[in-house]
Amino acid sequence: MRWPSAMLLVLFLLLGLGQAQRCSTQRPIVFADYDWESARVHNRIAQFILERGYGCRTDTLPGTSIPLLTGLARGNVHVSMEIWYNLNREAIEPLEAQGRIQRLGVNFPDAVQGWFVPTYVVRGDPQRGIRPMAPSLRSVFDLPRYKELFRDPEEPSKGRFYNGVLGWFAERINTRKLYAYGLLDHFTNFRPGTGEALAAAIASAYQRGQPILFYHWGPTWVLGRFDLTMLEEPPFDPEVWRELEREERPRRAVAFPREEVYIAVNTRLLREAPEAVEFLRRYRTSNQLVSELLAYMEANRATEEEVALHFLRTYPEVWTGWVPAEVAERVRRALN
């Protein structure tokens, strides 16, 4: 049978697209599904592009930072979209030296962390009829004078400090800071069960105009939505920070470093899926962009999958730079 030339052209194009869409690994690429929203949003964006643009299968493994880092080293997890290097340096460096994991590049270069109070605690909020509660509160060293303001309902003789989730590296650092700053006699070290529980406690206090002292990080919808004041700490010093990492009871403490947050992979993925690795190597966002996405998520009660679709439809000028033109075209068609 003789095929018309136009039909042959269409057939060759379809075959070419099918071949280009075939993933070089037949195993699902497993992402570390951390217990904070920004990491899961990055996962869903990368998963959509890999599935629809490269023809790969993907999966996720939920958990907290240290267990998932261990999974990344063992190969149970293949991709971590958020490696907070300075918070996990002691765990990461040996794994890199052993050739088990590799950082590909910076996801966003301007993450922040610190101890916060609502700004109305210090300055008041005339529009809401809130008077300043702690007008002299500037630094962590002022906190003992205000422990009654942040009273812990379960231990009324102390204030309550809302730490990060138990098991987070930041939670351990904050616990050591409480000791170094001499605050354990004045504040309880309260760990919420999840990142969502921490955000809910902050939102509840803010909406009622009540005082709350807490650790948080950005990018998050919390920092994007609420007017917050970060308490001053001694400026970051690498030597003191190393002491904080090593010692259970350090003599000194300093502010969190400004963080570059990396993407890392299990090194087997370098061989098994080089095209996926190249895409992840080019993936790059910012604190502001991710905070906008998380604010959209919170305002619209959207799922991580819905936020990923919103990003891909709203910011093509960002993500099309991460992939070849033919991959971008397949992703566009999938979005439509």
Protein backbone atom coordinates (compact mmCIF):
# COMPACT_ATOMS: atom_id res chain seq x y z
CA MET A 1 0.00 0.00 0.00
CA ARG A 2 1.28 3.45 -0.88
CA TRP A 3 1.05 6.12 1.83
CA PRO A 4 0.33 9.75 0.85
CA SER A 5 3.29 11.96 1.63
CA ALA A 6 1.27 14.10 4.06
CA MET A 7 0.27 11.02 6.07
CA LEU A 8 3.87 9.83 6.13
CA LEU A 9 4.98 13.21 7.47
CA VAL A 10 2.41 13.06 10.25
CA LEU A 11 3.43 9.50 11.07
CA PHE A 12 7.13 10.39 11.27
CA LEU A 13 6.34 13.40 13.48
CA LEU A 14 4.27 11.27 15.84
CA LEU A 15 6.97 8.61 15.99
CA GLY A 16 9.60 11.27 16.64
CA LEU A 17 7.56 12.80 19.44
CA GLY A 18 6.99 9.37 20.96
CA GLN A 19 10.71 8.59 20.92
CA ALA A 20 11.66 11.97 22.36
CA GLN A 21 9.13 11.50 25.12
CA ARG A 22 10.55 8.16 26.27
CA CYS A 23 12.25 8.45 29.65
CA SER A 24 15.71 6.93 29.91
CA THR A 25 14.85 5.23 33.21
CA GLN A 26 11.96 2.82 33.57
CA ARG A 27 11.89 3.19 37.36
CA PRO A 28 9.71 5.91 38.89
CA ILE A 29 11.76 8.95 39.94
CA VAL A 30 10.96 9.34 43.64
CA PHE A 31 10.82 12.81 45.22
CA ALA A 32 11.35 13.64 48.90
CA ASP A 33 7.92 14.90 49.99
CA TYR A 34 8.92 16.97 53.02
CA ASP A 35 6.45 18.15 55.63
CA TRP A 36 6.49 21.77 54.46
CA GLU A 37 4.53 23.23 51.58
CA SER A 38 7.17 24.90 49.41
CA ALA A 39 9.08 21.62 48.93
CA ARG A 40 5.90 19.80 47.94
CA VAL A 41 4.97 22.54 45.45
CA HIS A 42 8.41 22.26 43.84
CA ASN A 43 7.92 18.50 43.69
CA ARG A 44 4.60 18.81 41.86
CA ILE A 45 6.04 21.29 39.35
CA ALA A 46 9.03 19.06 38.61
CA GLN A 47 6.86 15.93 38.51
CA PHE A 48 4.47 17.45 35.95
CA ILE A 49 7.33 18.51 33.70
CA LEU A 50 9.07 15.13 33.96
CA GLU A 51 5.88 13.17 33.36
CA ARG A 52 4.35 15.26 30.57
CA GLY A 53 7.52 16.66 29.01
CA TYR A 54 9.96 13.74 29.33
CA GLY A 55 7.64 10.73 29.63
CA CYS A 56 9.05 9.73 33.01
CA ARG A 57 7.13 8.12 35.83
CA THR A 58 7.40 9.81 39.24
CA ASP A 59 6.46 9.09 42.83
CA THR A 60 6.89 10.67 46.26
CA LEU A 61 7.95 9.50 49.71
CA PRO A 62 6.57 11.62 52.58
CA GLY A 63 8.59 12.37 55.70
CA THR A 64 10.79 14.82 57.59
CA SER A 65 14.18 16.22 56.66
CA ILE A 66 16.70 13.81 58.23
CA PRO A 67 14.91 10.52 57.39
CA LEU A 68 14.38 11.66 53.80
CA LEU A 69 18.02 12.73 53.51
CA THR A 70 18.93 9.22 54.65
CA GLY A 71 16.55 7.85 52.00
CA LEU A 72 18.23 10.03 49.37
CA ALA A 73 21.61 8.56 50.29
CA ARG A 74 20.29 4.98 50.18
CA GLY A 75 18.51 5.45 46.87
CA ASN A 76 14.98 5.03 48.24
CA VAL A 77 14.55 8.68 47.23
CA HIS A 78 16.06 10.05 44.04
CA VAL A 79 15.41 13.81 44.21
CA SER A 80 15.30 16.43 46.95
CA MET A 81 14.04 19.80 45.69
CA GLU A 82 15.00 21.59 48.90
CA ILE A 83 18.33 20.91 50.60
CA TRP A 84 18.86 23.48 53.35
CA TYR A 85 22.60 22.99 53.35
CA ASN A 86 23.66 25.11 56.34
CA LEU A 87 21.02 23.48 58.52
CA ASN A 88 22.08 19.96 57.53
CA ARG A 89 25.78 20.41 56.76
CA GLU A 90 27.00 17.76 59.20
CA ALA A 91 24.73 15.16 57.63
CA ILE A 92 25.19 16.23 54.00
CA GLU A 93 28.97 16.61 53.72
CA PRO A 94 29.84 12.95 54.53
CA LEU A 95 27.22 11.75 52.02
CA GLU A 96 28.68 14.00 49.33
CA ALA A 97 32.21 12.84 50.17
CA GLN A 98 31.07 9.21 49.84
CA GLY A 99 29.60 9.98 46.41
CA ARG A 100 26.08 8.99 47.45
CA ILE A 101 24.35 12.32 46.82
CA GLN A 102 25.16 15.34 44.68
CA ARG A 103 23.88 18.90 44.77
CA LEU A 104 22.91 20.02 41.27
CA GLY A 105 22.36 23.72 41.82
CA VAL A 106 20.47 26.39 43.75
CA ASN A 107 16.68 26.23 43.73
CA PHE A 108 16.36 29.65 45.41
CA PRO A 109 19.24 31.72 46.79
CA ASP A 110 17.52 33.92 49.38
CA ALA A 111 15.78 31.86 52.05
CA VAL A 112 15.42 33.36 55.53
CA GLN A 113 14.98 31.91 59.02
CA GLY A 114 14.58 33.41 62.44
CA TRP A 115 12.49 34.05 65.54
CA PHE A 116 9.43 36.22 64.99
CA VAL A 117 6.61 38.04 66.73
CA PRO A 118 3.66 39.80 65.11
CA THR A 119 4.64 43.42 64.50
CA TYR A 120 1.60 44.60 66.51
CA VAL A 121 3.25 43.10 69.61
CA VAL A 122 5.97 45.76 69.35
CA ARG A 123 4.26 48.64 67.55
CA GLY A 124 0.57 48.00 68.05
CA ASP A 125 -2.04 48.23 65.30
CA PRO A 126 -4.36 51.27 65.57
CA GLN A 127 -6.65 49.96 62.82
CA ARG A 128 -7.34 46.86 64.87
CA GLY A 129 -7.37 48.71 68.20
CA ILE A 130 -4.23 46.91 69.39
CA ARG A 131 -1.83 48.81 71.64
CA PRO A 132 1.90 47.97 71.76
CA MET A 133 2.41 45.06 74.14
CA ALA A 134 6.21 44.97 74.21
CA PRO A 135 7.45 48.31 72.82
CA SER A 136 11.05 47.65 73.91
CA LEU A 137 11.25 44.14 72.46
CA ARG A 138 14.02 44.15 69.90
CA SER A 139 16.24 41.13 70.42
CA VAL A 140 16.24 37.62 71.84
CA PHE A 141 17.98 39.02 74.94
CA ASP A 142 14.89 41.14 75.75
CA LEU A 143 12.64 38.07 75.95
CA PRO A 144 13.00 37.24 79.68
CA ARG A 145 11.29 40.56 80.52
CA TYR A 146 8.29 39.53 78.44
CA LYS A 147 7.81 35.88 79.36
CA GLU A 148 4.44 36.65 80.96
CA LEU A 149 3.25 38.15 77.69
CA PHE A 150 3.90 34.85 75.91
CA ARG A 151 2.62 32.74 78.81
CA ASP A 152 2.47 29.00 78.21
CA PRO A 153 -1.02 27.79 79.20
CA GLU A 154 0.44 24.43 80.28
CA GLU A 155 3.27 25.96 82.33
CA PRO A 156 2.12 29.48 83.32
CA SER A 157 5.36 30.39 85.09
CA LYS A 158 7.08 30.43 81.69
CA GLY A 159 6.49 31.83 78.26
CA ARG A 160 6.04 29.57 75.23
CA PHE A 161 8.42 29.50 72.28
CA TYR A 162 7.00 27.75 69.22
CA ASN A 163 9.93 25.83 67.79
CA GLY A 164 10.13 23.97 64.51
CA VAL A 165 8.76 20.46 64.21
CA LEU A 166 10.48 17.78 66.28
CA GLY A 167 13.05 16.09 64.04
CA TRP A 168 13.83 19.15 61.95
CA PHE A 169 17.47 20.20 62.05
CA ALA A 170 16.27 23.78 62.70
CA GLU A 171 14.42 22.51 65.79
CA ARG A 172 17.70 21.18 67.20
CA ILE A 173 19.48 24.47 66.44
CA ASN A 174 16.69 26.46 68.09
CA THR A 175 16.81 24.21 71.15
CA ARG A 176 20.52 24.90 71.49
CA LYS A 177 19.91 28.61 70.99
CA LEU A 178 17.43 28.61 73.87
CA TYR A 179 20.20 27.19 76.06
CA ALA A 180 22.93 29.54 74.79
CA TYR A 181 20.71 32.61 75.20
CA GLY A 182 19.79 31.60 78.76
CA LEU A 183 16.10 31.32 77.92
CA LEU A 184 15.25 27.82 79.16
CA ASP A 185 14.48 29.16 82.65
CA HIS A 186 11.96 31.56 81.10
CA PHE A 187 10.39 29.73 78.12
CA THR A 188 9.11 26.27 77.32
CA ASN A 189 10.41 24.71 74.14
CA PHE A 190 7.16 23.82 72.37
CA ARG A 191 7.32 21.69 69.19
CA PRO A 192 4.17 21.51 67.06
CA GLY A 193 3.37 18.19 65.45
CA THR A 194 3.70 19.42 61.86
CA GLY A 195 4.65 22.48 59.85
CA GLU A 196 0.94 22.98 59.18
CA ALA A 197 0.22 22.95 62.93
CA LEU A 198 2.86 25.63 63.47
CA ALA A 199 1.36 27.81 60.73
CA ALA A 200 -2.14 27.28 62.16
CA ALA A 201 -1.02 28.40 65.62
CA ILE A 202 0.54 31.55 64.16
CA ALA A 203 -2.53 32.34 62.04
CA SER A 204 -4.89 31.79 64.97
CA ALA A 205 -2.94 34.11 67.27
CA TYR A 206 -2.57 36.75 64.55
CA GLN A 207 -6.25 36.80 63.67
CA ARG A 208 -7.14 37.30 67.35
CA GLY A 209 -4.45 39.92 67.86
CA GLN A 210 -2.69 37.87 70.52
CA PRO A 211 1.05 37.67 71.25
CA ILE A 212 3.01 34.68 69.98
CA LEU A 213 6.74 33.96 69.76
CA PHE A 214 7.82 31.49 67.12
CA TYR A 215 10.45 30.21 64.73
CA HIS A 216 9.68 30.43 61.04
CA TRP A 217 11.32 30.47 57.65
CA GLY A 218 10.75 31.85 54.19
CA PRO A 219 9.53 31.39 51.60
CA THR A 220 6.18 30.61 53.25
CA TRP A 221 2.69 32.00 53.02
CA VAL A 222 2.95 32.99 56.69
CA LEU A 223 5.74 35.50 56.03
CA GLY A 224 3.99 36.64 52.89
CA ARG A 225 0.61 37.24 54.46
CA PHE A 226 1.29 38.55 57.98
CA ASP A 227 3.19 41.62 59.19
CA LEU A 228 5.93 40.10 61.33
CA THR A 229 9.07 41.32 63.06
CA MET A 230 12.19 39.17 63.24
CA LEU A 231 13.99 39.48 66.57
CA GLU A 232 17.63 40.51 66.49
CA GLU A 233 20.35 37.99 67.27
CA PRO A 234 24.14 38.23 67.20
CA PRO A 235 25.16 38.34 63.53
CA PHE A 236 26.01 35.08 61.83
CA ASP A 237 29.54 33.88 62.53
CA PRO A 238 30.78 30.61 60.97
CA GLU A 239 32.85 29.60 64.00
CA VAL A 240 29.96 30.09 66.43
CA TRP A 241 27.61 28.33 64.01
CA ARG A 242 29.88 25.26 63.94
CA GLU A 243 29.74 25.24 67.74
CA LEU A 244 25.94 25.33 67.53
CA GLU A 245 26.01 22.36 65.18
CA ARG A 246 28.36 20.32 67.38
CA GLU A 247 27.45 21.10 70.97
CA GLU A 248 24.28 20.16 72.83
CA ARG A 249 24.97 23.01 75.28
CA PRO A 250 26.83 25.70 73.35
CA ARG A 251 28.20 28.78 75.08
CA ARG A 252 27.20 31.11 72.25
CA ALA A 253 24.66 31.36 69.47
CA VAL A 254 24.13 33.51 66.38
CA ALA A 255 21.49 34.28 63.78
CA PHE A 256 20.69 31.78 61.06
CA PRO A 257 22.74 32.32 57.91
CA ARG A 258 21.00 33.56 54.82
CA GLU A 259 20.39 30.33 53.03
CA GLU A 260 20.92 29.07 49.51
CA VAL A 261 18.52 26.15 49.12
CA TYR A 262 19.78 23.44 46.76
CA ILE A 263 18.39 20.63 44.64
CA ALA A 264 20.16 17.31 45.21
CA VAL A 265 19.90 13.82 43.76
CA ASN A 266 21.02 10.33 44.53
CA THR A 267 24.06 9.86 42.29
CA ARG A 268 22.55 6.82 40.54
CA LEU A 269 20.12 9.22 38.86
CA LEU A 270 23.06 10.92 37.11
CA ARG A 271 23.60 7.73 35.11
CA GLU A 272 20.03 6.50 34.84
CA ALA A 273 18.23 9.70 33.80
CA PRO A 274 20.72 12.34 32.55
CA GLU A 275 18.00 14.37 30.78
CA ALA A 276 16.01 14.59 34.02
CA VAL A 277 19.15 15.62 35.88
CA GLU A 278 19.89 18.36 33.34
CA PHE A 279 16.36 19.73 33.77
CA LEU A 280 16.75 19.73 37.57
CA ARG A 281 20.15 21.40 37.22
CA ARG A 282 18.50 24.33 35.38
CA TYR A 283 15.51 24.60 37.75
CA ARG A 284 15.69 27.93 39.61
CA THR A 285 13.19 30.10 41.51
CA SER A 286 13.30 32.78 44.21
CA ASN A 287 11.99 33.50 47.69
CA GLN A 288 9.56 36.07 46.30
CA LEU A 289 8.21 33.81 43.56
CA VAL A 290 7.69 30.86 45.88
CA SER A 291 6.06 33.07 48.53
CA GLU A 292 3.64 34.28 45.86
CA LEU A 293 2.79 30.70 44.98
CA LEU A 294 2.25 29.78 48.62
CA ALA A 295 0.09 32.86 49.18
CA TYR A 296 -2.01 31.78 46.18
CA MET A 297 -2.24 28.32 47.70
CA GLU A 298 -3.42 29.59 51.08
CA ALA A 299 -5.84 32.19 49.69
CA ASN A 300 -7.48 29.71 47.30
CA ARG A 301 -7.20 26.64 49.51
CA ALA A 302 -5.48 25.01 46.58
CA THR A 303 -3.65 21.71 46.57
CA GLU A 304 0.02 21.46 45.68
CA GLU A 305 -1.01 20.02 42.30
CA GLU A 306 -3.27 23.02 41.63
CA VAL A 307 -0.48 25.43 42.59
CA ALA A 308 1.88 23.65 40.19
CA LEU A 309 -0.62 24.06 37.34
CA HIS A 310 -1.12 27.72 38.30
CA PHE A 311 2.64 28.27 38.15
CA LEU A 312 3.07 26.51 34.81
CA ARG A 313 0.23 28.50 33.25
CA THR A 314 1.17 31.85 34.81
CA TYR A 315 4.96 31.88 34.60
CA PRO A 316 5.96 30.27 31.27
CA GLU A 317 8.80 32.77 30.97
CA VAL A 318 10.39 31.09 34.02
CA TRP A 319 10.00 27.35 33.43
CA THR A 320 10.51 27.24 29.65
CA GLY A 321 14.11 28.24 30.30
CA TRP A 322 14.65 25.01 32.19
CA VAL A 323 13.86 22.62 29.34
CA PRO A 324 14.45 22.14 25.59
CA ALA A 325 11.86 23.64 23.24
CA GLU A 326 10.26 20.30 22.34
CA VAL A 327 9.80 19.45 26.02
CA ALA A 328 8.24 22.85 26.67
CA GLU A 329 5.83 22.26 23.81
CA ARG A 330 4.71 18.92 25.22
CA VAL A 331 4.16 20.51 28.63
CA ARG A 332 2.12 23.31 27.06
CA ARG A 333 -0.07 20.79 25.25
CA ALA A 334 -0.61 18.88 28.49
CA LEU A 335 -1.65 22.09 30.25
CA ASN A 336 -4.23 22.75 27.55
